[in-house]
Amino acid sequence: LQAAFDKLRAAYEQERRFTADASHELRTPMNAAT
């Protein structure tokens, strides 16, 4: 269970980082366009 939760936590953290990076990457061109 601990190993499964650690994997889920890592996957969640990776998804959070991806979302933050993608949001930042999308925001930068939009800000420039705006």
PDB file of all heavy atoms in Angstrom:
ATOM      1  N   LEU A   1       0.833  -1.205   0.000  1.00  0.00           N
ATOM      2  CA  LEU A   1       0.000   0.000   0.000  1.00  0.00           C
ATOM      3  C   LEU A   1       0.868   1.256   0.000  1.00  0.00           C
ATOM      4  O   LEU A   1       0.581   2.224  -0.720  1.00  0.00           O
ATOM      5  CB  LEU A   1      -0.931   0.010   1.219  1.00  0.00           C
ATOM      6  CG  LEU A   1      -2.163  -0.862   1.140  1.00  0.00           C
ATOM      7  CD1 LEU A   1      -2.883  -0.890   2.480  1.00  0.00           C
ATOM      8  CD2 LEU A   1      -3.104  -0.357   0.060  1.00  0.00           C
ATOM      9  N   GLN A   2       1.919   1.245   0.814  1.00  0.00           N
ATOM     10  CA  GLN A   2       2.815   2.393   0.870  1.00  0.00           C
ATOM     11  C   GLN A   2       3.468   2.627  -0.490  1.00  0.00           C
ATOM     12  O   GLN A   2       3.541   3.764  -0.967  1.00  0.00           O
ATOM     13  CB  GLN A   2       3.887   2.199   1.937  1.00  0.00           C
ATOM     14  CG  GLN A   2       4.803   3.393   2.078  1.00  0.00           C
ATOM     15  CD  GLN A   2       5.864   3.169   3.137  1.00  0.00           C
ATOM     16  OE1 GLN A   2       5.976   2.086   3.698  1.00  0.00           O
ATOM     17  NE2 GLN A   2       6.632   4.207   3.408  1.00  0.00           N
ATOM     18  N   ALA A   3       3.913   1.546  -1.139  1.00  0.00           N
ATOM     19  CA  ALA A   3       4.526   1.689  -2.465  1.00  0.00           C
ATOM     20  C   ALA A   3       3.512   2.233  -3.464  1.00  0.00           C
ATOM     21  O   ALA A   3       3.843   3.113  -4.280  1.00  0.00           O
ATOM     22  CB  ALA A   3       5.070   0.337  -2.933  1.00  0.00           C
ATOM     23  N   ALA A   4       2.271   1.754  -3.398  1.00  0.00           N
ATOM     24  CA  ALA A   4       1.235   2.238  -4.326  1.00  0.00           C
ATOM     25  C   ALA A   4       0.937   3.712  -4.068  1.00  0.00           C
ATOM     26  O   ALA A   4       0.819   4.504  -5.017  1.00  0.00           O
ATOM     27  CB  ALA A   4      -0.033   1.400  -4.175  1.00  0.00           C
ATOM     28  N   PHE A   5       0.832   4.098  -2.798  1.00  0.00           N
ATOM     29  CA  PHE A   5       0.582   5.508  -2.485  1.00  0.00           C
ATOM     30  C   PHE A   5       1.761   6.385  -2.885  1.00  0.00           C
ATOM     31  O   PHE A   5       1.570   7.511  -3.358  1.00  0.00           O
ATOM     32  CB  PHE A   5       0.251   5.696  -1.001  1.00  0.00           C
ATOM     33  CG  PHE A   5      -1.176   5.409  -0.664  1.00  0.00           C
ATOM     34  CD1 PHE A   5      -1.502   4.424   0.234  1.00  0.00           C
ATOM     35  CD2 PHE A   5      -2.205   6.134  -1.247  1.00  0.00           C
ATOM     36  CE1 PHE A   5      -2.819   4.155   0.546  1.00  0.00           C
ATOM     37  CE2 PHE A   5      -3.526   5.881  -0.940  1.00  0.00           C
ATOM     38  CZ  PHE A   5      -3.839   4.883  -0.046  1.00  0.00           C
ATOM     39  N   ASP A   6       2.977   5.885  -2.713  1.00  0.00           N
ATOM     40  CA  ASP A   6       4.158   6.650  -3.141  1.00  0.00           C
ATOM     41  C   ASP A   6       4.131   6.859  -4.649  1.00  0.00           C
ATOM     42  O   ASP A   6       4.446   7.954  -5.144  1.00  0.00           O
ATOM     43  CB  ASP A   6       5.450   5.949  -2.707  1.00  0.00           C
ATOM     44  CG  ASP A   6       5.681   6.035  -1.204  1.00  0.00           C
ATOM     45  OD1 ASP A   6       4.998   6.858  -0.543  1.00  0.00           O
ATOM     46  OD2 ASP A   6       6.527   5.263  -0.694  1.00  0.00           O
ATOM     47  N   LYS A   7       3.749   5.826  -5.402  1.00  0.00           N
ATOM     48  CA  LYS A   7       3.645   5.961  -6.860  1.00  0.00           C
ATOM     49  C   LYS A   7       2.561   6.969  -7.228  1.00  0.00           C
ATOM     50  O   LYS A   7       2.741   7.801  -8.116  1.00  0.00           O
ATOM     51  CB  LYS A   7       3.319   4.611  -7.507  1.00  0.00           C
ATOM     52  CG  LYS A   7       4.499   3.691  -7.646  1.00  0.00           C
ATOM     53  CD  LYS A   7       4.069   2.416  -8.355  1.00  0.00           C
ATOM     54  CE  LYS A   7       5.211   1.440  -8.481  1.00  0.00           C
ATOM     55  NZ  LYS A   7       4.795   0.199  -9.130  1.00  0.00           N
ATOM     56  N   LEU A   8       1.420   6.883  -6.528  1.00  0.00           N
ATOM     57  CA  LEU A   8       0.337   7.830  -6.797  1.00  0.00           C
ATOM     58  C   LEU A   8       0.773   9.252  -6.468  1.00  0.00           C
ATOM     59  O   LEU A   8       0.475  10.196  -7.216  1.00  0.00           O
ATOM     60  CB  LEU A   8      -0.907   7.476  -5.975  1.00  0.00           C
ATOM     61  CG  LEU A   8      -1.780   6.355  -6.506  1.00  0.00           C
ATOM     62  CD1 LEU A   8      -2.877   6.017  -5.512  1.00  0.00           C
ATOM     63  CD2 LEU A   8      -2.399   6.765  -7.839  1.00  0.00           C
ATOM     64  N   ARG A   9       1.460   9.394  -5.338  1.00  0.00           N
ATOM     65  CA  ARG A   9       1.940  10.711  -4.927  1.00  0.00           C
ATOM     66  C   ARG A   9       2.913  11.267  -5.973  1.00  0.00           C
ATOM     67  O   ARG A   9       2.841  12.436  -6.351  1.00  0.00           O
ATOM     68  CB  ARG A   9       2.609  10.623  -3.557  1.00  0.00           C
ATOM     69  CG  ARG A   9       2.825  11.971  -2.920  1.00  0.00           C
ATOM     70  CD  ARG A   9       3.365  11.862  -1.491  1.00  0.00           C
ATOM     71  NE  ARG A   9       2.329  11.327  -0.608  1.00  0.00           N
ATOM     72  CZ  ARG A   9       2.453  10.222   0.131  1.00  0.00           C
ATOM     73  NH1 ARG A   9       3.567   9.538   0.113  1.00  0.00           N
ATOM     74  NH2 ARG A   9       1.484   9.813   0.900  1.00  0.00           N
ATOM     75  N   ALA A  10       3.832  10.409  -6.449  1.00  0.00           N
ATOM     76  CA  ALA A  10       4.794  10.840  -7.461  1.00  0.00           C
ATOM     77  C   ALA A  10       4.075  11.199  -8.761  1.00  0.00           C
ATOM     78  O   ALA A  10       4.393  12.213  -9.397  1.00  0.00           O
ATOM     79  CB  ALA A  10       5.829   9.742  -7.705  1.00  0.00           C
ATOM     80  N   ALA A  11       3.081  10.388  -9.149  1.00  0.00           N
ATOM     81  CA  ALA A  11       2.328  10.676 -10.367  1.00  0.00           C
ATOM     82  C   ALA A  11       1.543  11.968 -10.215  1.00  0.00           C
ATOM     83  O   ALA A  11       1.478  12.790 -11.145  1.00  0.00           O
ATOM     84  CB  ALA A  11       1.383   9.518 -10.697  1.00  0.00           C
ATOM     85  N   TYR A  12       0.959  12.169  -9.049  1.00  0.00           N
ATOM     86  CA  TYR A  12       0.215  13.406  -8.794  1.00  0.00           C
ATOM     87  C   TYR A  12       1.152  14.603  -8.851  1.00  0.00           C
ATOM     88  O   TYR A  12       0.828  15.631  -9.458  1.00  0.00           O
ATOM     89  CB  TYR A  12      -0.487  13.325  -7.441  1.00  0.00           C
ATOM     90  CG  TYR A  12      -1.155  14.625  -7.045  1.00  0.00           C
ATOM     91  CD1 TYR A  12      -2.347  15.029  -7.651  1.00  0.00           C
ATOM     92  CD2 TYR A  12      -0.585  15.457  -6.093  1.00  0.00           C
ATOM     93  CE1 TYR A  12      -2.954  16.219  -7.306  1.00  0.00           C
ATOM     94  CE2 TYR A  12      -1.181  16.655  -5.750  1.00  0.00           C
ATOM     95  CZ  TYR A  12      -2.366  17.030  -6.357  1.00  0.00           C
ATOM     96  OH  TYR A  12      -2.952  18.214  -6.013  1.00  0.00           O
ATOM     97  N   GLU A  13       2.318  14.476  -8.226  1.00  0.00           N
ATOM     98  CA  GLU A  13       3.297  15.568  -8.221  1.00  0.00           C
ATOM     99  C   GLU A  13       3.778  15.859  -9.647  1.00  0.00           C
ATOM    100  O   GLU A  13       3.910  17.021 -10.048  1.00  0.00           O
ATOM    101  CB  GLU A  13       4.482  15.211  -7.317  1.00  0.00           C
ATOM    102  CG  GLU A  13       5.471  16.325  -7.117  1.00  0.00           C
ATOM    103  CD  GLU A  13       4.861  17.584  -6.505  1.00  0.00           C
ATOM    104  OE1 GLU A  13       3.930  17.486  -5.680  1.00  0.00           O
ATOM    105  OE2 GLU A  13       5.319  18.686  -6.873  1.00  0.00           O
ATOM    106  N   GLN A  14       4.002  14.813 -10.431  1.00  0.00           N
ATOM    107  CA  GLN A  14       4.435  14.991 -11.824  1.00  0.00           C
ATOM    108  C   GLN A  14       3.333  15.674 -12.624  1.00  0.00           C
ATOM    109  O   GLN A  14       3.604  16.580 -13.437  1.00  0.00           O
ATOM    110  CB  GLN A  14       4.785  13.630 -12.425  1.00  0.00           C
ATOM    111  CG  GLN A  14       5.373  13.714 -13.803  1.00  0.00           C
ATOM    112  CD  GLN A  14       5.739  12.324 -14.324  1.00  0.00           C
ATOM    113  OE1 GLN A  14       5.397  11.315 -13.733  1.00  0.00           O
ATOM    114  NE2 GLN A  14       6.427  12.299 -15.449  1.00  0.00           N
ATOM    115  N   GLU A  15       2.091  15.265 -12.408  1.00  0.00           N
ATOM    116  CA  GLU A  15       0.969  15.884 -13.116  1.00  0.00           C
ATOM    117  C   GLU A  15       0.823  17.345 -12.707  1.00  0.00           C
ATOM    118  O   GLU A  15       0.566  18.214 -13.541  1.00  0.00           O
ATOM    119  CB  GLU A  15      -0.322  15.119 -12.812  1.00  0.00           C
ATOM    120  CG  GLU A  15      -1.525  15.657 -13.558  1.00  0.00           C
ATOM    121  CD  GLU A  15      -2.796  14.880 -13.243  1.00  0.00           C
ATOM    122  OE1 GLU A  15      -2.712  13.651 -13.025  1.00  0.00           O
ATOM    123  OE2 GLU A  15      -3.854  15.513 -13.210  1.00  0.00           O
ATOM    124  N   ARG A  16       1.014  17.633 -11.418  1.00  0.00           N
ATOM    125  CA  ARG A  16       0.915  19.005 -10.938  1.00  0.00           C
ATOM    126  C   ARG A  16       1.999  19.878 -11.574  1.00  0.00           C
ATOM    127  O   ARG A  16       1.736  20.993 -12.027  1.00  0.00           O
ATOM    128  CB  ARG A  16       1.027  19.032  -9.410  1.00  0.00           C
ATOM    129  CG  ARG A  16       0.701  20.394  -8.806  1.00  0.00           C
ATOM    130  CD  ARG A  16       1.006  20.458  -7.335  1.00  0.00           C
ATOM    131  NE  ARG A  16       2.415  20.297  -7.024  1.00  0.00           N
ATOM    132  CZ  ARG A  16       3.356  21.241  -7.241  1.00  0.00           C
ATOM    133  NH1 ARG A  16       3.041  22.379  -7.765  1.00  0.00           N
ATOM    134  NH2 ARG A  16       4.603  20.998  -6.927  1.00  0.00           N
ATOM    135  N   ARG A  17       3.225  19.331 -11.618  1.00  0.00           N
ATOM    136  CA  ARG A  17       4.315  20.085 -12.236  1.00  0.00           C
ATOM    137  C   ARG A  17       4.047  20.308 -13.724  1.00  0.00           C
ATOM    138  O   ARG A  17       4.268  21.407 -14.259  1.00  0.00           O
ATOM    139  CB  ARG A  17       5.644  19.352 -12.051  1.00  0.00           C
ATOM    140  CG  ARG A  17       6.317  19.668 -10.733  1.00  0.00           C
ATOM    141  CD  ARG A  17       7.769  19.222 -10.720  1.00  0.00           C
ATOM    142  NE  ARG A  17       7.984  17.879 -11.240  1.00  0.00           N
ATOM    143  CZ  ARG A  17       8.071  16.776 -10.504  1.00  0.00           C
ATOM    144  NH1 ARG A  17       7.991  16.868  -9.198  1.00  0.00           N
ATOM    145  NH2 ARG A  17       8.256  15.609 -11.064  1.00  0.00           N
ATOM    146  N   PHE A  18       3.547  19.256 -14.396  1.00  0.00           N
ATOM    147  CA  PHE A  18       3.244  19.375 -15.823  1.00  0.00           C
ATOM    148  C   PHE A  18       2.174  20.443 -16.044  1.00  0.00           C
ATOM    149  O   PHE A  18       2.289  21.282 -16.955  1.00  0.00           O
ATOM    150  CB  PHE A  18       2.774  18.027 -16.392  1.00  0.00           C
ATOM    151  CG  PHE A  18       2.292  18.129 -17.803  1.00  0.00           C
ATOM    152  CD1 PHE A  18       3.198  18.234 -18.854  1.00  0.00           C
ATOM    153  CD2 PHE A  18       0.935  18.164 -18.098  1.00  0.00           C
ATOM    154  CE1 PHE A  18       2.757  18.348 -20.169  1.00  0.00           C
ATOM    155  CE2 PHE A  18       0.488  18.282 -19.396  1.00  0.00           C
ATOM    156  CZ  PHE A  18       1.399  18.366 -20.435  1.00  0.00           C
ATOM    157  N   THR A  19       1.141  20.414 -15.208  1.00  0.00           N
ATOM    158  CA  THR A  19       0.059  21.392 -15.346  1.00  0.00           C
ATOM    159  C   THR A  19       0.587  22.803 -15.115  1.00  0.00           C
ATOM    160  O   THR A  19       0.239  23.744 -15.849  1.00  0.00           O
ATOM    161  CB  THR A  19      -1.077  21.069 -14.354  1.00  0.00           C
ATOM    162  OG1 THR A  19      -1.505  19.734 -14.570  1.00  0.00           O
ATOM    163  CG2 THR A  19      -2.244  22.010 -14.519  1.00  0.00           C
ATOM    164  N   ALA A  20       1.417  22.956 -14.081  1.00  0.00           N
ATOM    165  CA  ALA A  20       1.982  24.288 -13.804  1.00  0.00           C
ATOM    166  C   ALA A  20       2.873  24.735 -14.959  1.00  0.00           C
ATOM    167  O   ALA A  20       2.801  25.912 -15.389  1.00  0.00           O
ATOM    168  CB  ALA A  20       2.772  24.254 -12.506  1.00  0.00           C
ATOM    169  N   ASP A  21       3.721  23.825 -15.469  1.00  0.00           N
ATOM    170  CA  ASP A  21       4.606  24.187 -16.590  1.00  0.00           C
ATOM    171  C   ASP A  21       3.796  24.513 -17.833  1.00  0.00           C
ATOM    172  O   ASP A  21       4.083  25.507 -18.539  1.00  0.00           O
ATOM    173  CB  ASP A  21       5.591  23.055 -16.879  1.00  0.00           C
ATOM    174  CG  ASP A  21       6.631  22.888 -15.787  1.00  0.00           C
ATOM    175  OD1 ASP A  21       6.739  23.799 -14.924  1.00  0.00           O
ATOM    176  OD2 ASP A  21       7.328  21.836 -15.777  1.00  0.00           O
ATOM    177  N   ALA A  22       2.794  23.682 -18.118  1.00  0.00           N
ATOM    178  CA  ALA A  22       1.974  23.914 -19.313  1.00  0.00           C
ATOM    179  C   ALA A  22       1.217  25.227 -19.181  1.00  0.00           C
ATOM    180  O   ALA A  22       1.114  26.004 -20.149  1.00  0.00           O
ATOM    181  CB  ALA A  22       1.002  22.753 -19.516  1.00  0.00           C
ATOM    182  N   SER A  23       0.708  25.480 -18.001  1.00  0.00           N
ATOM    183  CA  SER A  23      -0.013  26.722 -17.772  1.00  0.00           C
ATOM    184  C   SER A  23       0.913  27.908 -17.975  1.00  0.00           C
ATOM    185  O   SER A  23       0.543  28.912 -18.601  1.00  0.00           O
ATOM    186  CB  SER A  23      -0.587  26.722 -16.360  1.00  0.00           C
ATOM    187  OG  SER A  23      -1.148  27.964 -16.054  1.00  0.00           O
ATOM    188  N   HIS A  24       2.147  27.787 -17.463  1.00  0.00           N
ATOM    189  CA  HIS A  24       3.118  28.872 -17.628  1.00  0.00           C
ATOM    190  C   HIS A  24       3.472  29.061 -19.102  1.00  0.00           C
ATOM    191  O   HIS A  24       3.541  30.197 -19.598  1.00  0.00           O
ATOM    192  CB  HIS A  24       4.377  28.575 -16.813  1.00  0.00           C
ATOM    193  CG  HIS A  24       5.440  29.600 -16.988  1.00  0.00           C
ATOM    194  ND1 HIS A  24       5.351  30.858 -16.439  1.00  0.00           N
ATOM    195  CD2 HIS A  24       6.618  29.561 -17.673  1.00  0.00           C
ATOM    196  CE1 HIS A  24       6.419  31.551 -16.774  1.00  0.00           C
ATOM    197  NE2 HIS A  24       7.214  30.783 -17.523  1.00  0.00           N
ATOM    198  N   GLU A  25       3.681  27.941 -19.779  1.00  0.00           N
ATOM    199  CA  GLU A  25       4.054  28.010 -21.191  1.00  0.00           C
ATOM    200  C   GLU A  25       2.926  28.600 -22.028  1.00  0.00           C
ATOM    201  O   GLU A  25       3.179  29.340 -22.976  1.00  0.00           O
ATOM    202  CB  GLU A  25       4.431  26.627 -21.729  1.00  0.00           C
ATOM    203  CG  GLU A  25       5.709  26.062 -21.156  1.00  0.00           C
ATOM    204  CD  GLU A  25       6.926  26.903 -21.509  1.00  0.00           C
ATOM    205  OE1 GLU A  25       6.990  27.457 -22.622  1.00  0.00           O
ATOM    206  OE2 GLU A  25       7.816  27.015 -20.654  1.00  0.00           O
ATOM    207  N   LEU A  26       1.689  28.260 -21.689  1.00  0.00           N
ATOM    208  CA  LEU A  26       0.563  28.813 -22.436  1.00  0.00           C
ATOM    209  C   LEU A  26       0.336  30.280 -22.083  1.00  0.00           C
ATOM    210  O   LEU A  26      -0.078  31.075 -22.924  1.00  0.00           O
ATOM    211  CB  LEU A  26      -0.705  28.008 -22.162  1.00  0.00           C
ATOM    212  CG  LEU A  26      -0.762  26.629 -22.809  1.00  0.00           C
ATOM    213  CD1 LEU A  26      -1.999  25.892 -22.342  1.00  0.00           C
ATOM    214  CD2 LEU A  26      -0.764  26.744 -24.321  1.00  0.00           C
ATOM    215  N   ARG A  27       0.621  30.628 -20.847  1.00  0.00           N
ATOM    216  CA  ARG A  27       0.400  31.990 -20.402  1.00  0.00           C
ATOM    217  C   ARG A  27       1.393  32.957 -21.058  1.00  0.00           C
ATOM    218  O   ARG A  27       1.046  34.082 -21.407  1.00  0.00           O
ATOM    219  CB  ARG A  27       0.537  32.061 -18.873  1.00  0.00           C
ATOM    220  CG  ARG A  27      -0.603  32.807 -18.249  1.00  0.00           C
ATOM    221  CD  ARG A  27      -0.507  32.915 -16.742  1.00  0.00           C
ATOM    222  NE  ARG A  27      -0.635  31.609 -16.106  1.00  0.00           N
ATOM    223  CZ  ARG A  27       0.168  31.169 -15.147  1.00  0.00           C
ATOM    224  NH1 ARG A  27       1.119  31.928 -14.684  1.00  0.00           N
ATOM    225  NH2 ARG A  27       0.003  29.988 -14.645  1.00  0.00           N
ATOM    226  N   THR A  28       2.616  32.535 -21.225  1.00  0.00           N
ATOM    227  CA  THR A  28       3.643  33.424 -21.775  1.00  0.00           C
ATOM    228  C   THR A  28       3.294  33.896 -23.190  1.00  0.00           C
ATOM    229  O   THR A  28       3.276  35.110 -23.436  1.00  0.00           O
ATOM    230  CB  THR A  28       5.015  32.724 -21.736  1.00  0.00           C
ATOM    231  OG1 THR A  28       5.290  32.353 -20.402  1.00  0.00           O
ATOM    232  CG2 THR A  28       6.108  33.627 -22.253  1.00  0.00           C
ATOM    233  N   PRO A  29       2.964  32.991 -24.133  1.00  0.00           N
ATOM    234  CA  PRO A  29       2.584  33.494 -25.465  1.00  0.00           C
ATOM    235  C   PRO A  29       1.290  34.297 -25.446  1.00  0.00           C
ATOM    236  O   PRO A  29       1.121  35.263 -26.185  1.00  0.00           O
ATOM    237  CB  PRO A  29       2.404  32.245 -26.308  1.00  0.00           C
ATOM    238  CG  PRO A  29       3.056  31.138 -25.573  1.00  0.00           C
ATOM    239  CD  PRO A  29       3.120  31.569 -24.147  1.00  0.00           C
ATOM    240  N   MET A  30       0.381  33.926 -24.591  1.00  0.00           N
ATOM    241  CA  MET A  30      -0.893  34.645 -24.533  1.00  0.00           C
ATOM    242  C   MET A  30      -0.660  36.045 -23.993  1.00  0.00           C
ATOM    243  O   MET A  30      -1.278  37.000 -24.451  1.00  0.00           O
ATOM    244  CB  MET A  30      -1.884  33.898 -23.639  1.00  0.00           C
ATOM    245  CG  MET A  30      -2.265  32.564 -24.182  1.00  0.00           C
ATOM    246  SD  MET A  30      -3.824  32.484 -24.768  1.00  0.00           S
ATOM    247  CE  MET A  30      -5.121  32.362 -23.929  1.00  0.00           C
ATOM    248  N   ASN A  31       0.221  36.150 -23.012  1.00  0.00           N
ATOM    249  CA  ASN A  31       0.530  37.473 -22.472  1.00  0.00           C
ATOM    250  C   ASN A  31       1.196  38.330 -23.540  1.00  0.00           C
ATOM    251  O   ASN A  31       0.903  39.517 -23.672  1.00  0.00           O
ATOM    252  CB  ASN A  31       1.438  37.368 -21.248  1.00  0.00           C
ATOM    253  CG  ASN A  31       0.664  37.028 -19.999  1.00  0.00           C
ATOM    254  OD1 ASN A  31      -0.548  37.174 -19.997  1.00  0.00           O
ATOM    255  ND2 ASN A  31       1.354  36.603 -18.971  1.00  0.00           N
ATOM    256  N   ALA A  32       2.081  37.696 -24.295  1.00  0.00           N
ATOM    257  CA  ALA A  32       2.759  38.444 -25.371  1.00  0.00           C
ATOM    258  C   ALA A  32       1.750  38.877 -26.426  1.00  0.00           C
ATOM    259  O   ALA A  32       1.777  40.019 -26.911  1.00  0.00           O
ATOM    260  CB  ALA A  32       3.851  37.593 -25.986  1.00  0.00           C
ATOM    261  N   ALA A  33       0.842  37.981 -26.771  1.00  0.00           N
ATOM    262  CA  ALA A  33      -0.169  38.307 -27.768  1.00  0.00           C
ATOM    263  C   ALA A  33      -1.100  39.379 -27.240  1.00  0.00           C
ATOM    264  O   ALA A  33      -1.484  40.306 -27.965  1.00  0.00           O
ATOM    265  CB  ALA A  33      -0.955  37.059 -28.151  1.00  0.00           C
ATOM    266  N   THR A  34      -1.456  39.282 -26.013  1.00  0.00           N
ATOM    267  CA  THR A  34      -2.342  40.271 -25.414  1.00  0.00           C
ATOM    268  C   THR A  34      -1.652  41.627 -25.366  1.00  0.00           C
ATOM    269  O   THR A  34      -2.253  42.654 -25.661  1.00  0.00           O
ATOM    270  CB  THR A  34      -2.764  39.834 -23.986  1.00  0.00           C
ATOM    271  OG1 THR A  34      -3.331  38.551 -24.049  1.00  0.00           O
ATOM    272  CG2 THR A  34      -3.756  40.795 -23.388  1.00  0.00           C
TER     273      THR A  34
END
